[in-house]
Amino acid sequence: MSEIARATTHVAITMPVYNRRETTLKALDSLSAIDRTGLDVTIIVVDDGSTDGTSEAIRRRFPDVVLLHGDGTLHYAAGTNRGLQEALDRGAAYVIAMNDDTVVDPPFVQRLLACVRAHPRAIVGALLLLQGEPQRVFQVGPHWDVWYGGWHIPQHWTVAQVPAEPFEVEMLVGNCLMYPASVLREAGLMEEDIFHFGGSDAHFTTRLRRAGWRLLVEPRARVWCEQNTYPAPLRTLSLRQTLRILFVNEQHPLNLRRQFTLRWYSAPSRPQALAAFAVYLGRLGMKALGVGHTWPTYWADPTPPLAR
């Protein structure tokens, strides 16, 4: 084996996709420009039954991408798990799990990899930024706060406010994370039977943290994400629509079972999960009645963490 071959590190990048052809192609375009020096990069896309020509477009424009297929029932957790397992089966030493609404900075893989290597037993997330506001930090540094009602995600951090060096956090969202293959073999994959439509990333990374793996953000590894879309406030809906959302439709982010499951499995303790859910119910009731509808958005963001 040549010296060059021995120096090559196999990194897999995987993303689940569904009916967002142009968004997915934009992400793959950005990945085509990454710095691959010393890397053997495999890109894996798990298309969960798209009907908008996503797979066909990927085959035409990115023939080297590994395409896996679902039937529309995988959703985020199972779709991500299929990609992670494929990466392990192909012998990847490190796996990046990311969303398809992401545009990456060309050196982001190199910087994530350097951080993981410098910090044993760590999972490392990129610094997430908004595509429309490229200096605004997005969904980085959630802090557990019972009186807030659960995870308090900072809304107003900017690049200038976060440390210039890697910093530790309580939870990582799944937009762009690098896992050493060893953590996936040791801890397994996401709990897809519990989390069908959302929350699996919060549970997975907090579970890894409890198992002794550090959760770090590498601020020099930057990716830009699309802003989340938010559902209509319950107070604007009919009673029938509201009841269906709260008690039936588990795909809706305000569904009570979904909200309870997220807290139950990702909170620091079960009593804290119950207390936070009670606070959340009170907050939800106030908003539904049009009372205090800005609470707790006026709460100050958590203080940015220190570099580690």
C-alpha atoms as a PDB file:
ATOM      1  CA  MET A   1       0.000   0.000   0.000  1.00  0.00           C
ATOM      2  CA  SER A   2       1.373   3.447  -0.897  1.00  0.00           C
ATOM      3  CA  GLU A   3       2.033   6.200   1.636  1.00  0.00           C
ATOM      4  CA  ILE A   4      -0.768   8.260   0.012  1.00  0.00           C
ATOM      5  CA  ALA A   5      -3.265   5.418   0.384  1.00  0.00           C
ATOM      6  CA  ARG A   6      -2.348   4.950   4.066  1.00  0.00           C
ATOM      7  CA  ALA A   7      -2.880   8.677   4.692  1.00  0.00           C
ATOM      8  CA  THR A   8      -6.376   8.733   3.186  1.00  0.00           C
ATOM      9  CA  THR A   9      -9.270   8.968   5.660  1.00  0.00           C
ATOM     10  CA  HIS A  10     -12.659   7.601   4.626  1.00  0.00           C
ATOM     11  CA  VAL A  11     -15.438  10.064   5.484  1.00  0.00           C
ATOM     12  CA  ALA A  12     -19.068   9.425   4.556  1.00  0.00           C
ATOM     13  CA  ILE A  13     -21.667  12.199   4.300  1.00  0.00           C
ATOM     14  CA  THR A  14     -25.293  11.133   4.503  1.00  0.00           C
ATOM     15  CA  MET A  15     -28.604  12.966   4.259  1.00  0.00           C
ATOM     16  CA  PRO A  16     -32.259  11.868   4.160  1.00  0.00           C
ATOM     17  CA  VAL A  17     -34.363  13.649   1.543  1.00  0.00           C
ATOM     18  CA  TYR A  18     -37.991  13.827   0.498  1.00  0.00           C
ATOM     19  CA  ASN A  19     -39.572  15.883  -2.292  1.00  0.00           C
ATOM     20  CA  ARG A  20     -37.195  18.849  -2.129  1.00  0.00           C
ATOM     21  CA  ARG A  21     -35.374  18.315  -5.413  1.00  0.00           C
ATOM     22  CA  GLU A  22     -33.948  21.794  -5.907  1.00  0.00           C
ATOM     23  CA  THR A  23     -32.985  22.124  -2.243  1.00  0.00           C
ATOM     24  CA  THR A  24     -31.245  18.753  -2.344  1.00  0.00           C
ATOM     25  CA  LEU A  25     -29.398  19.578  -5.566  1.00  0.00           C
ATOM     26  CA  LYS A  26     -28.224  22.869  -4.059  1.00  0.00           C
ATOM     27  CA  ALA A  27     -26.771  20.985  -1.096  1.00  0.00           C
ATOM     28  CA  LEU A  28     -25.040  18.472  -3.361  1.00  0.00           C
ATOM     29  CA  ASP A  29     -23.663  21.315  -5.478  1.00  0.00           C
ATOM     30  CA  SER A  30     -22.022  22.785  -2.391  1.00  0.00           C
ATOM     31  CA  LEU A  31     -20.656  19.380  -1.350  1.00  0.00           C
ATOM     32  CA  SER A  32     -19.060  18.963  -4.777  1.00  0.00           C
ATOM     33  CA  ALA A  33     -16.726  21.872  -3.919  1.00  0.00           C
ATOM     34  CA  ILE A  34     -15.464  20.658  -0.527  1.00  0.00           C
ATOM     35  CA  ASP A  35     -11.766  20.261   0.219  1.00  0.00           C
ATOM     36  CA  ARG A  36     -11.026  16.528  -0.164  1.00  0.00           C
ATOM     37  CA  THR A  37      -7.305  16.672   0.538  1.00  0.00           C
ATOM     38  CA  GLY A  38      -6.322  13.395   2.217  1.00  0.00           C
ATOM     39  CA  LEU A  39      -9.940  12.227   2.216  1.00  0.00           C
ATOM     40  CA  ASP A  40     -11.915   9.482   0.533  1.00  0.00           C
ATOM     41  CA  VAL A  41     -15.417  10.963   0.596  1.00  0.00           C
ATOM     42  CA  THR A  42     -18.607   8.962   0.001  1.00  0.00           C
ATOM     43  CA  ILE A  43     -21.889  10.868  -0.268  1.00  0.00           C
ATOM     44  CA  ILE A  44     -25.012   8.867   0.583  1.00  0.00           C
ATOM     45  CA  VAL A  45     -28.528  10.166  -0.087  1.00  0.00           C
ATOM     46  CA  VAL A  46     -31.541   8.327   1.341  1.00  0.00           C
ATOM     47  CA  ASP A  47     -34.546   9.279  -0.797  1.00  0.00           C
ATOM     48  CA  ASP A  48     -37.681   8.329   1.110  1.00  0.00           C
ATOM     49  CA  GLY A  49     -39.954   7.844  -1.896  1.00  0.00           C
ATOM     50  CA  SER A  50     -39.787  11.309  -3.474  1.00  0.00           C
ATOM     51  CA  THR A  51     -42.233  11.865  -6.328  1.00  0.00           C
ATOM     52  CA  ASP A  52     -40.700  15.105  -7.662  1.00  0.00           C
ATOM     53  CA  GLY A  53     -37.830  13.540  -9.601  1.00  0.00           C
ATOM     54  CA  THR A  54     -35.225  13.966  -6.852  1.00  0.00           C
ATOM     55  CA  SER A  55     -33.512  10.608  -7.434  1.00  0.00           C
ATOM     56  CA  GLU A  56     -33.509  10.972 -11.208  1.00  0.00           C
ATOM     57  CA  ALA A  57     -31.947  14.436 -10.977  1.00  0.00           C
ATOM     58  CA  ILE A  58     -29.261  13.177  -8.595  1.00  0.00           C
ATOM     59  CA  ARG A  59     -28.378  10.306 -10.918  1.00  0.00           C
ATOM     60  CA  ARG A  60     -27.968  12.713 -13.839  1.00  0.00           C
ATOM     61  CA  ARG A  61     -25.950  15.413 -12.070  1.00  0.00           C
ATOM     62  CA  PHE A  62     -24.125  13.471  -9.359  1.00  0.00           C
ATOM     63  CA  PRO A  63     -23.565   9.912 -10.610  1.00  0.00           C
ATOM     64  CA  ASP A  64     -21.049   9.157  -7.844  1.00  0.00           C
ATOM     65  CA  VAL A  65     -23.632   9.712  -5.093  1.00  0.00           C
ATOM     66  CA  VAL A  66     -24.832   6.513  -3.427  1.00  0.00           C
ATOM     67  CA  LEU A  67     -28.635   6.489  -3.599  1.00  0.00           C
ATOM     68  CA  LEU A  68     -30.743   4.494  -1.157  1.00  0.00           C
ATOM     69  CA  HIS A  69     -34.518   4.361  -1.377  1.00  0.00           C
ATOM     70  CA  GLY A  70     -37.417   4.299   1.067  1.00  0.00           C
ATOM     71  CA  ASP A  71     -41.147   3.985   0.565  1.00  0.00           C
ATOM     72  CA  GLY A  72     -42.192   7.213   2.273  1.00  0.00           C
ATOM     73  CA  THR A  73     -42.367   5.773   5.790  1.00  0.00           C
ATOM     74  CA  LEU A  74     -38.773   6.291   6.945  1.00  0.00           C
ATOM     75  CA  HIS A  75     -38.970   9.963   7.962  1.00  0.00           C
ATOM     76  CA  TYR A  76     -35.962  11.621   9.582  1.00  0.00           C
ATOM     77  CA  ALA A  77     -34.726   9.064  12.105  1.00  0.00           C
ATOM     78  CA  ALA A  78     -35.029   5.919   9.993  1.00  0.00           C
ATOM     79  CA  GLY A  79     -33.797   7.733   6.891  1.00  0.00           C
ATOM     80  CA  THR A  80     -30.727   8.971   8.747  1.00  0.00           C
ATOM     81  CA  ASN A  81     -30.155   5.524  10.231  1.00  0.00           C
ATOM     82  CA  ARG A  82     -30.144   3.920   6.768  1.00  0.00           C
ATOM     83  CA  GLY A  83     -27.442   6.336   5.695  1.00  0.00           C
ATOM     84  CA  LEU A  84     -25.398   5.848   8.865  1.00  0.00           C
ATOM     85  CA  GLN A  85     -25.556   2.064   8.524  1.00  0.00           C
ATOM     86  CA  GLU A  86     -24.529   2.243   4.864  1.00  0.00           C
ATOM     87  CA  ALA A  87     -21.563   4.395   5.841  1.00  0.00           C
ATOM     88  CA  LEU A  88     -20.503   1.862   8.487  1.00  0.00           C
ATOM     89  CA  ASP A  89     -20.936  -1.017   6.041  1.00  0.00           C
ATOM     90  CA  ARG A  90     -18.641   0.787   3.602  1.00  0.00           C
ATOM     91  CA  GLY A  91     -15.958   1.138   6.248  1.00  0.00           C
ATOM     92  CA  ALA A  92     -16.135   4.889   6.860  1.00  0.00           C
ATOM     93  CA  ALA A  93     -13.999   6.045   9.777  1.00  0.00           C
ATOM     94  CA  TYR A  94     -16.147   9.150  10.286  1.00  0.00           C
ATOM     95  CA  VAL A  95     -19.715   9.929   9.271  1.00  0.00           C
ATOM     96  CA  ILE A  96     -21.306  13.324   8.762  1.00  0.00           C
ATOM     97  CA  ALA A  97     -25.103  13.328   9.092  1.00  0.00           C
ATOM     98  CA  MET A  98     -26.678  16.441   7.624  1.00  0.00           C
ATOM     99  CA  ASN A  99     -29.909  17.887   6.303  1.00  0.00           C
ATOM    100  CA  ASP A 100     -30.471  18.656   2.648  1.00  0.00           C
ATOM    101  CA  ASP A 101     -31.369  22.325   3.238  1.00  0.00           C
ATOM    102  CA  THR A 102     -27.718  23.055   3.953  1.00  0.00           C
ATOM    103  CA  VAL A 103     -24.982  24.859   2.022  1.00  0.00           C
ATOM    104  CA  VAL A 104     -21.466  24.144   3.258  1.00  0.00           C
ATOM    105  CA  ASP A 105     -18.205  26.034   3.455  1.00  0.00           C
ATOM    106  CA  PRO A 106     -15.609  24.089   1.369  1.00  0.00           C
ATOM    107  CA  PRO A 107     -13.227  23.357   4.312  1.00  0.00           C
ATOM    108  CA  PHE A 108     -15.983  22.259   6.718  1.00  0.00           C
ATOM    109  CA  VAL A 109     -15.134  18.533   6.568  1.00  0.00           C
ATOM    110  CA  GLN A 110     -11.457  19.180   7.237  1.00  0.00           C
ATOM    111  CA  ARG A 111     -12.296  21.362  10.219  1.00  0.00           C
ATOM    112  CA  LEU A 112     -14.795  18.921  11.713  1.00  0.00           C
ATOM    113  CA  LEU A 113     -12.277  16.125  11.291  1.00  0.00           C
ATOM    114  CA  ALA A 114      -9.461  18.078  12.937  1.00  0.00           C
ATOM    115  CA  CYS A 115     -11.720  18.863  15.892  1.00  0.00           C
ATOM    116  CA  VAL A 116     -12.849  15.243  16.342  1.00  0.00           C
ATOM    117  CA  ARG A 117      -9.249  14.060  16.249  1.00  0.00           C
ATOM    118  CA  ALA A 118      -8.187  16.678  18.792  1.00  0.00           C
ATOM    119  CA  HIS A 119     -10.983  15.782  21.246  1.00  0.00           C
ATOM    120  CA  PRO A 120     -11.311  12.068  21.999  1.00  0.00           C
ATOM    121  CA  ARG A 121     -14.839  10.733  22.576  1.00  0.00           C
ATOM    122  CA  ALA A 122     -16.518  13.753  21.013  1.00  0.00           C
ATOM    123  CA  ILE A 123     -19.325  14.313  18.519  1.00  0.00           C
ATOM    124  CA  VAL A 124     -18.778  17.584  16.693  1.00  0.00           C
ATOM    125  CA  GLY A 125     -21.349  19.843  15.106  1.00  0.00           C
ATOM    126  CA  ALA A 126     -20.721  22.553  12.566  1.00  0.00           C
ATOM    127  CA  LEU A 127     -21.556  26.154  13.371  1.00  0.00           C
ATOM    128  CA  LEU A 128     -25.028  26.515  11.873  1.00  0.00           C
ATOM    129  CA  LEU A 129     -25.876  29.858  10.292  1.00  0.00           C
ATOM    130  CA  LEU A 130     -28.900  31.195   8.442  1.00  0.00           C
ATOM    131  CA  GLN A 131     -28.771  31.414   4.668  1.00  0.00           C
ATOM    132  CA  GLY A 132     -30.594  34.750   4.647  1.00  0.00           C
ATOM    133  CA  GLU A 133     -28.609  36.156   7.581  1.00  0.00           C
ATOM    134  CA  PRO A 134     -25.148  34.608   7.198  1.00  0.00           C
ATOM    135  CA  GLN A 135     -23.781  36.013  10.485  1.00  0.00           C
ATOM    136  CA  ARG A 136     -26.711  34.809  12.610  1.00  0.00           C
ATOM    137  CA  VAL A 137     -26.220  31.572  14.518  1.00  0.00           C
ATOM    138  CA  PHE A 138     -29.026  29.037  14.068  1.00  0.00           C
ATOM    139  CA  GLN A 139     -30.114  26.330  16.538  1.00  0.00           C
ATOM    140  CA  VAL A 140     -26.729  26.159  18.257  1.00  0.00           C
ATOM    141  CA  GLY A 141     -26.293  25.789  22.021  1.00  0.00           C
ATOM    142  CA  PRO A 142     -29.732  24.663  23.322  1.00  0.00           C
ATOM    143  CA  HIS A 143     -29.920  24.957  27.102  1.00  0.00           C
ATOM    144  CA  TRP A 144     -32.303  22.904  29.256  1.00  0.00           C
ATOM    145  CA  ASP A 145     -34.541  25.191  31.336  1.00  0.00           C
ATOM    146  CA  VAL A 146     -37.565  23.761  33.146  1.00  0.00           C
ATOM    147  CA  TRP A 147     -39.115  27.196  33.621  1.00  0.00           C
ATOM    148  CA  TYR A 148     -38.814  27.874  29.916  1.00  0.00           C
ATOM    149  CA  GLY A 149     -40.656  24.618  29.212  1.00  0.00           C
ATOM    150  CA  GLY A 150     -37.766  22.491  27.958  1.00  0.00           C
ATOM    151  CA  TRP A 151     -34.974  23.235  25.536  1.00  0.00           C
ATOM    152  CA  HIS A 152     -34.234  26.951  25.220  1.00  0.00           C
ATOM    153  CA  ILE A 153     -32.600  27.508  21.828  1.00  0.00           C
ATOM    154  CA  PRO A 154     -30.773  30.843  21.516  1.00  0.00           C
ATOM    155  CA  GLN A 155     -32.357  33.086  18.901  1.00  0.00           C
ATOM    156  CA  HIS A 156     -29.981  36.025  18.614  1.00  0.00           C
ATOM    157  CA  TRP A 157     -26.405  34.771  18.818  1.00  0.00           C
ATOM    158  CA  THR A 158     -24.091  35.960  16.059  1.00  0.00           C
ATOM    159  CA  VAL A 159     -20.752  34.681  14.798  1.00  0.00           C
ATOM    160  CA  ALA A 160     -19.032  37.459  16.753  1.00  0.00           C
ATOM    161  CA  GLN A 161     -20.547  36.246  20.061  1.00  0.00           C
ATOM    162  CA  VAL A 162     -19.551  32.580  20.008  1.00  0.00           C
ATOM    163  CA  PRO A 163     -16.037  31.399  20.895  1.00  0.00           C
ATOM    164  CA  ALA A 164     -13.448  31.185  18.150  1.00  0.00           C
ATOM    165  CA  GLU A 165     -12.398  27.751  19.433  1.00  0.00           C
ATOM    166  CA  PRO A 166     -14.523  24.578  19.854  1.00  0.00           C
ATOM    167  CA  PHE A 167     -17.062  24.859  22.674  1.00  0.00           C
ATOM    168  CA  GLU A 168     -19.132  22.323  24.561  1.00  0.00           C
ATOM    169  CA  VAL A 169     -22.941  22.266  24.500  1.00  0.00           C
ATOM    170  CA  GLU A 170     -25.749  20.343  26.219  1.00  0.00           C
ATOM    171  CA  MET A 171     -27.382  19.149  23.012  1.00  0.00           C
ATOM    172  CA  LEU A 172     -26.670  19.132  19.279  1.00  0.00           C
ATOM    173  CA  VAL A 173     -29.358  19.343  16.607  1.00  0.00           C
ATOM    174  CA  GLY A 174     -28.908  17.096  13.600  1.00  0.00           C
ATOM    175  CA  ASN A 175     -28.396  19.631  10.802  1.00  0.00           C
ATOM    176  CA  CYS A 176     -24.691  18.811  10.433  1.00  0.00           C
ATOM    177  CA  LEU A 177     -22.855  16.465  12.818  1.00  0.00           C
ATOM    178  CA  MET A 178     -19.683  14.402  12.534  1.00  0.00           C
ATOM    179  CA  TYR A 179     -19.686  11.057  14.331  1.00  0.00           C
ATOM    180  CA  PRO A 180     -16.628   8.850  14.707  1.00  0.00           C
ATOM    181  CA  ALA A 181     -17.651   5.396  13.483  1.00  0.00           C
ATOM    182  CA  SER A 182     -16.679   4.095  16.927  1.00  0.00           C
ATOM    183  CA  VAL A 183     -19.523   5.965  18.639  1.00  0.00           C
ATOM    184  CA  LEU A 184     -22.112   4.500  16.263  1.00  0.00           C
ATOM    185  CA  ARG A 185     -20.777   0.989  16.802  1.00  0.00           C
ATOM    186  CA  GLU A 186     -20.654   1.487  20.570  1.00  0.00           C
ATOM    187  CA  ALA A 187     -23.965   3.286  21.118  1.00  0.00           C
ATOM    188  CA  GLY A 188     -26.046   2.182  18.139  1.00  0.00           C
ATOM    189  CA  LEU A 189     -28.191   4.395  15.966  1.00  0.00           C
ATOM    190  CA  MET A 190     -31.207   6.650  16.525  1.00  0.00           C
ATOM    191  CA  GLU A 191     -34.388   5.321  18.127  1.00  0.00           C
ATOM    192  CA  GLU A 192     -36.591   5.388  15.042  1.00  0.00           C
ATOM    193  CA  ASP A 193     -39.467   3.527  16.710  1.00  0.00           C
ATOM    194  CA  ILE A 194     -39.857   6.300  19.296  1.00  0.00           C
ATOM    195  CA  PHE A 195     -39.270   9.360  17.147  1.00  0.00           C
ATOM    196  CA  HIS A 196     -41.026   9.163  13.799  1.00  0.00           C
ATOM    197  CA  PHE A 197     -41.242  12.815  12.860  1.00  0.00           C
ATOM    198  CA  GLY A 198     -38.778  14.813  14.946  1.00  0.00           C
ATOM    199  CA  GLY A 199     -36.737  14.935  18.127  1.00  0.00           C
ATOM    200  CA  SER A 200     -34.550  11.919  17.413  1.00  0.00           C
ATOM    201  CA  ASP A 201     -31.447  14.098  17.059  1.00  0.00           C
ATOM    202  CA  ALA A 202     -32.021  15.768  20.452  1.00  0.00           C
ATOM    203  CA  HIS A 203     -32.540  12.423  22.139  1.00  0.00           C
ATOM    204  CA  PHE A 204     -29.605  10.757  20.389  1.00  0.00           C
ATOM    205  CA  THR A 205     -27.029  13.416  21.209  1.00  0.00           C
ATOM    206  CA  THR A 206     -28.176  13.812  24.822  1.00  0.00           C
ATOM    207  CA  ARG A 207     -28.061  10.014  25.199  1.00  0.00           C
ATOM    208  CA  LEU A 208     -24.501  10.039  23.892  1.00  0.00           C
ATOM    209  CA  ARG A 209     -23.631  12.827  26.317  1.00  0.00           C
ATOM    210  CA  ARG A 210     -24.926  10.774  29.248  1.00  0.00           C
ATOM    211  CA  ALA A 211     -22.787   7.879  27.998  1.00  0.00           C
ATOM    212  CA  GLY A 212     -19.659   9.997  28.304  1.00  0.00           C
ATOM    213  CA  TRP A 213     -19.309  11.440  24.806  1.00  0.00           C
ATOM    214  CA  ARG A 214     -18.676  15.182  24.628  1.00  0.00           C
ATOM    215  CA  LEU A 215     -20.851  17.390  22.406  1.00  0.00           C
ATOM    216  CA  LEU A 216     -18.783  20.099  20.737  1.00  0.00           C
ATOM    217  CA  VAL A 217     -19.370  22.824  18.171  1.00  0.00           C
ATOM    218  CA  GLU A 218     -16.487  23.691  15.857  1.00  0.00           C
ATOM    219  CA  PRO A 219     -17.077  27.373  14.977  1.00  0.00           C
ATOM    220  CA  ARG A 220     -14.643  27.253  12.041  1.00  0.00           C
ATOM    221  CA  ALA A 221     -16.720  24.557  10.320  1.00  0.00           C
ATOM    222  CA  ARG A 222     -19.561  26.625   8.909  1.00  0.00           C
ATOM    223  CA  VAL A 223     -22.729  25.641   7.124  1.00  0.00           C
ATOM    224  CA  TRP A 224     -25.740  27.729   6.185  1.00  0.00           C
ATOM    225  CA  CYS A 225     -29.264  26.400   6.730  1.00  0.00           C
ATOM    226  CA  GLU A 226     -32.690  27.424   5.560  1.00  0.00           C
ATOM    227  CA  GLN A 227     -34.914  29.049   8.178  1.00  0.00           C
ATOM    228  CA  ASN A 228     -37.510  26.762   9.750  1.00  0.00           C
ATOM    229  CA  THR A 229     -41.112  27.144   8.729  1.00  0.00           C
ATOM    230  CA  TYR A 230     -43.595  27.517  11.571  1.00  0.00           C
ATOM    231  CA  PRO A 231     -47.228  26.342  11.697  1.00  0.00           C
ATOM    232  CA  ALA A 232     -50.177  28.645  12.104  1.00  0.00           C
ATOM    233  CA  PRO A 233     -50.909  29.592  15.749  1.00  0.00           C
ATOM    234  CA  LEU A 234     -53.575  27.390  17.336  1.00  0.00           C
ATOM    235  CA  ARG A 235     -55.670  30.428  18.219  1.00  0.00           C
ATOM    236  CA  THR A 236     -56.190  31.033  14.480  1.00  0.00           C
ATOM    237  CA  LEU A 237     -57.586  27.524  13.891  1.00  0.00           C
ATOM    238  CA  SER A 238     -60.961  25.938  14.492  1.00  0.00           C
ATOM    239  CA  LEU A 239     -61.546  23.793  17.566  1.00  0.00           C
ATOM    240  CA  ARG A 240     -61.638  20.662  15.404  1.00  0.00           C
ATOM    241  CA  GLN A 241     -58.330  21.523  13.736  1.00  0.00           C
ATOM    242  CA  THR A 242     -56.745  22.295  17.080  1.00  0.00           C
ATOM    243  CA  LEU A 243     -57.859  19.029  18.676  1.00  0.00           C
ATOM    244  CA  ARG A 244     -56.634  17.037  15.701  1.00  0.00           C
ATOM    245  CA  ILE A 245     -53.211  18.691  15.887  1.00  0.00           C
ATOM    246  CA  LEU A 246     -52.880  18.222  19.637  1.00  0.00           C
ATOM    247  CA  PHE A 247     -54.104  14.635  19.928  1.00  0.00           C
ATOM    248  CA  VAL A 248     -54.006  12.929  16.508  1.00  0.00           C
ATOM    249  CA  ASN A 249     -51.539  14.364  14.012  1.00  0.00           C
ATOM    250  CA  GLU A 250     -48.096  13.302  15.264  1.00  0.00           C
ATOM    251  CA  GLN A 251     -46.434  14.881  12.238  1.00  0.00           C
ATOM    252  CA  HIS A 252     -47.396  18.332  13.525  1.00  0.00           C
ATOM    253  CA  PRO A 253     -44.743  19.970  15.738  1.00  0.00           C
ATOM    254  CA  LEU A 254     -47.374  20.998  18.311  1.00  0.00           C
ATOM    255  CA  ASN A 255     -48.757  17.487  18.787  1.00  0.00           C
ATOM    256  CA  LEU A 256     -48.784  16.794  22.527  1.00  0.00           C
ATOM    257  CA  ARG A 257     -47.498  13.240  22.319  1.00  0.00           C
ATOM    258  CA  ARG A 258     -44.611  14.412  20.164  1.00  0.00           C
ATOM    259  CA  GLN A 259     -43.812  17.268  22.546  1.00  0.00           C
ATOM    260  CA  PHE A 260     -43.978  15.023  25.604  1.00  0.00           C
ATOM    261  CA  THR A 261     -41.795  12.337  23.993  1.00  0.00           C
ATOM    262  CA  LEU A 262     -39.115  14.879  23.144  1.00  0.00           C
ATOM    263  CA  ARG A 263     -38.902  16.059  26.759  1.00  0.00           C
ATOM    264  CA  TRP A 264     -39.240  12.620  28.297  1.00  0.00           C
ATOM    265  CA  TYR A 265     -36.283  11.188  26.409  1.00  0.00           C
ATOM    266  CA  SER A 266     -33.956  14.197  26.142  1.00  0.00           C
ATOM    267  CA  ALA A 267     -34.380  15.933  29.521  1.00  0.00           C
ATOM    268  CA  PRO A 268     -31.619  15.633  32.153  1.00  0.00           C
ATOM    269  CA  SER A 269     -34.045  13.651  34.340  1.00  0.00           C
ATOM    270  CA  ARG A 270     -37.601  12.350  34.221  1.00  0.00           C
ATOM    271  CA  PRO A 271     -38.871  14.739  36.955  1.00  0.00           C
ATOM    272  CA  GLN A 272     -37.448  17.652  34.963  1.00  0.00           C
ATOM    273  CA  ALA A 273     -39.175  16.307  31.841  1.00  0.00           C
ATOM    274  CA  LEU A 274     -42.548  16.225  33.620  1.00  0.00           C
ATOM    275  CA  ALA A 275     -42.099  19.684  35.110  1.00  0.00           C
ATOM    276  CA  ALA A 276     -41.052  21.196  31.797  1.00  0.00           C
ATOM    277  CA  PHE A 277     -43.986  19.598  30.008  1.00  0.00           C
ATOM    278  CA  ALA A 278     -46.367  21.069  32.580  1.00  0.00           C
ATOM    279  CA  VAL A 279     -44.843  24.497  31.946  1.00  0.00           C
ATOM    280  CA  TYR A 280     -45.165  23.909  28.208  1.00  0.00           C
ATOM    281  CA  LEU A 281     -48.868  23.040  28.559  1.00  0.00           C
ATOM    282  CA  GLY A 282     -49.456  26.226  30.515  1.00  0.00           C
ATOM    283  CA  ARG A 283     -47.628  28.277  27.912  1.00  0.00           C
ATOM    284  CA  LEU A 284     -49.540  26.588  25.096  1.00  0.00           C
ATOM    285  CA  GLY A 285     -52.864  27.271  26.811  1.00  0.00           C
ATOM    286  CA  MET A 286     -51.998  30.947  27.252  1.00  0.00           C
ATOM    287  CA  LYS A 287     -51.081  31.270  23.589  1.00  0.00           C
ATOM    288  CA  ALA A 288     -54.238  29.471  22.463  1.00  0.00           C
ATOM    289  CA  LEU A 289     -56.286  31.980  24.449  1.00  0.00           C
ATOM    290  CA  GLY A 290     -54.298  34.879  23.036  1.00  0.00           C
ATOM    291  CA  VAL A 291     -52.903  35.705  26.467  1.00  0.00           C
ATOM    292  CA  GLY A 292     -49.196  36.298  26.861  1.00  0.00           C
ATOM    293  CA  HIS A 293     -48.575  35.062  23.342  1.00  0.00           C
ATOM    294  CA  THR A 294     -45.047  36.470  23.333  1.00  0.00           C
ATOM    295  CA  TRP A 295     -44.026  34.515  26.433  1.00  0.00           C
ATOM    296  CA  PRO A 296     -41.343  33.188  26.784  1.00  0.00           C
ATOM    297  CA  THR A 297     -39.790  34.735  23.668  1.00  0.00           C
ATOM    298  CA  TYR A 298     -38.762  37.766  25.716  1.00  0.00           C
ATOM    299  CA  TRP A 299     -36.449  35.601  27.804  1.00  0.00           C
ATOM    300  CA  ALA A 300     -32.821  36.459  27.289  1.00  0.00           C
ATOM    301  CA  ASP A 301     -30.731  34.003  25.309  1.00  0.00           C
ATOM    302  CA  PRO A 302     -28.445  31.716  27.300  1.00  0.00           C
ATOM    303  CA  THR A 303     -24.949  33.107  27.676  1.00  0.00           C
ATOM    304  CA  PRO A 304     -22.658  31.850  24.885  1.00  0.00           C
ATOM    305  CA  PRO A 305     -20.425  29.060  26.224  1.00  0.00           C
ATOM    306  CA  LEU A 306     -16.674  29.229  26.679  1.00  0.00           C
ATOM    307  CA  ALA A 307     -14.197  27.492  24.408  1.00  0.00           C
ATOM    308  CA  ARG A 308     -12.967  24.088  25.604  1.00  0.00           C
END
